[in-house]
Amino acid sequence: MDENKAREEHRLIIEGRQKLQVSGVLKVENFTEEEICVITGMGLLLLVGEELHINQLHLEEGRLLVSGRINSIQYKENKNPKETKQKGVQLLHRLTR
């Protein structure tokens, strides 16, 4: 999915803090059971919760389905893609220590 189309089609649907449908997804940057970092047409989307699972991921269609306890959803501006990648590597390094 190209970025312009992702921006136009970006949508979040939350069902009882247990399920989240996201459209306009370009890439899943990283994920754990406590945090999922997604690149969307509207910027970096950070999902924080407990027992988070990616049930479906269709990058061609730009769709993501997440289940678990969703505690927070936050957007961050992604001005530098390399910076995002470095943060993902740093997170992975902390988790594997």
Protein backbone atom coordinates (compact mmCIF):
# COMPACT_ATOMS: atom_id res chain seq x y z
CA MET A 1 0.00 0.00 0.00
CA ASP A 2 1.43 3.38 -0.93
CA GLU A 3 1.69 6.15 1.66
CA ASN A 4 -0.89 8.50 0.09
CA LYS A 5 -3.51 5.78 -0.07
CA ALA A 6 -2.65 4.71 3.50
CA ARG A 7 -3.15 8.29 4.71
CA GLU A 8 -6.57 8.48 3.09
CA GLU A 9 -7.69 5.08 4.37
CA HIS A 10 -6.28 5.23 7.91
CA ARG A 11 -8.86 4.17 10.48
CA LEU A 12 -8.93 2.71 14.01
CA ILE A 13 -11.79 0.62 15.38
CA ILE A 14 -11.59 -0.43 19.04
CA GLU A 15 -13.91 -3.04 20.47
CA GLY A 16 -14.08 -2.98 24.27
CA ARG A 17 -10.31 -2.44 24.70
CA GLN A 18 -9.88 -6.09 23.68
CA LYS A 19 -9.70 -5.85 19.87
CA LEU A 20 -8.30 -3.22 17.56
CA GLN A 21 -8.64 -3.00 13.79
CA VAL A 22 -6.24 -0.66 12.02
CA SER A 23 -6.33 0.29 8.34
CA GLY A 24 -3.73 2.34 6.48
CA VAL A 25 -0.86 0.22 7.84
CA LEU A 26 2.42 0.42 5.92
CA LYS A 27 4.68 -1.67 8.17
CA VAL A 28 4.90 -3.26 11.61
CA GLU A 29 8.14 -1.89 13.03
CA ASN A 30 8.31 -4.18 16.08
CA PHE A 31 6.06 -5.97 18.54
CA THR A 32 5.99 -7.70 21.91
CA GLU A 33 3.13 -8.79 24.15
CA GLU A 34 3.31 -5.34 25.80
CA GLU A 35 3.94 -3.02 22.83
CA ILE A 36 3.28 -2.88 19.10
CA CYS A 37 4.88 -0.20 16.92
CA VAL A 38 3.19 0.34 13.53
CA ILE A 39 4.04 2.71 10.66
CA THR A 40 0.82 4.14 9.20
CA GLY A 41 0.02 6.78 6.61
CA MET A 42 -0.60 9.17 9.51
CA GLY A 43 2.69 8.51 11.33
CA LEU A 44 4.04 6.10 13.91
CA LEU A 45 1.33 4.37 15.95
CA LEU A 46 2.34 2.95 19.34
CA LEU A 47 0.01 0.46 21.03
CA VAL A 48 0.68 -0.43 24.66
CA GLY A 49 -1.11 -3.12 26.61
CA GLU A 50 -1.00 -6.64 27.98
CA GLU A 51 -1.00 -9.96 26.14
CA LEU A 52 -1.10 -8.17 22.78
CA HIS A 53 -1.24 -10.45 19.75
CA ILE A 54 -1.26 -9.70 16.04
CA ASN A 55 -4.12 -11.86 14.78
CA GLN A 56 -4.05 -10.68 11.17
CA LEU A 57 -1.65 -8.62 9.12
CA HIS A 58 -2.35 -7.83 5.46
CA LEU A 59 0.24 -5.28 4.31
CA GLU A 60 -0.99 -5.41 0.71
CA GLU A 61 -4.37 -4.16 1.96
CA GLY A 62 -2.88 -2.11 4.81
CA ARG A 63 -4.88 -3.94 7.51
CA LEU A 64 -3.92 -5.09 11.02
CA LEU A 65 -6.00 -6.86 13.68
CA VAL A 66 -4.73 -6.88 17.28
CA SER A 67 -6.20 -8.58 20.34
CA GLY A 68 -5.32 -8.31 24.04
CA ARG A 69 -5.80 -5.64 26.70
CA ILE A 70 -5.19 -2.26 25.08
CA ASN A 71 -4.03 0.33 27.63
CA SER A 72 -2.92 3.19 25.38
CA ILE A 73 -2.72 4.30 21.78
CA GLN A 74 -0.30 7.07 20.83
CA TYR A 75 0.76 8.70 17.58
CA LYS A 76 4.28 10.00 17.10
CA GLU A 77 5.57 12.02 14.18
CA ASN A 78 8.08 10.03 12.19
CA LYS A 79 10.35 12.68 10.73
CA ASN A 80 13.37 10.40 10.38
CA PRO A 81 12.79 6.75 9.35
CA LYS A 82 16.33 5.80 10.45
CA GLU A 83 15.54 7.07 13.95
CA THR A 84 12.52 4.77 14.13
CA LYS A 85 14.60 1.79 13.05
CA GLN A 86 17.27 2.59 15.67
CA LYS A 87 14.62 2.75 18.40
CA GLY A 88 13.28 -0.64 17.31
CA VAL A 89 16.79 -2.13 17.45
CA GLN A 90 17.35 -0.57 20.87
CA LEU A 91 14.07 -2.05 22.14
CA LEU A 92 15.00 -5.46 20.78
CA HIS A 93 18.42 -5.20 22.42
CA ARG A 94 16.83 -4.36 25.80
CA LEU A 95 14.45 -7.29 25.52
CA THR A 96 17.19 -9.80 24.73
CA ARG A 97 19.58 -8.82 27.52
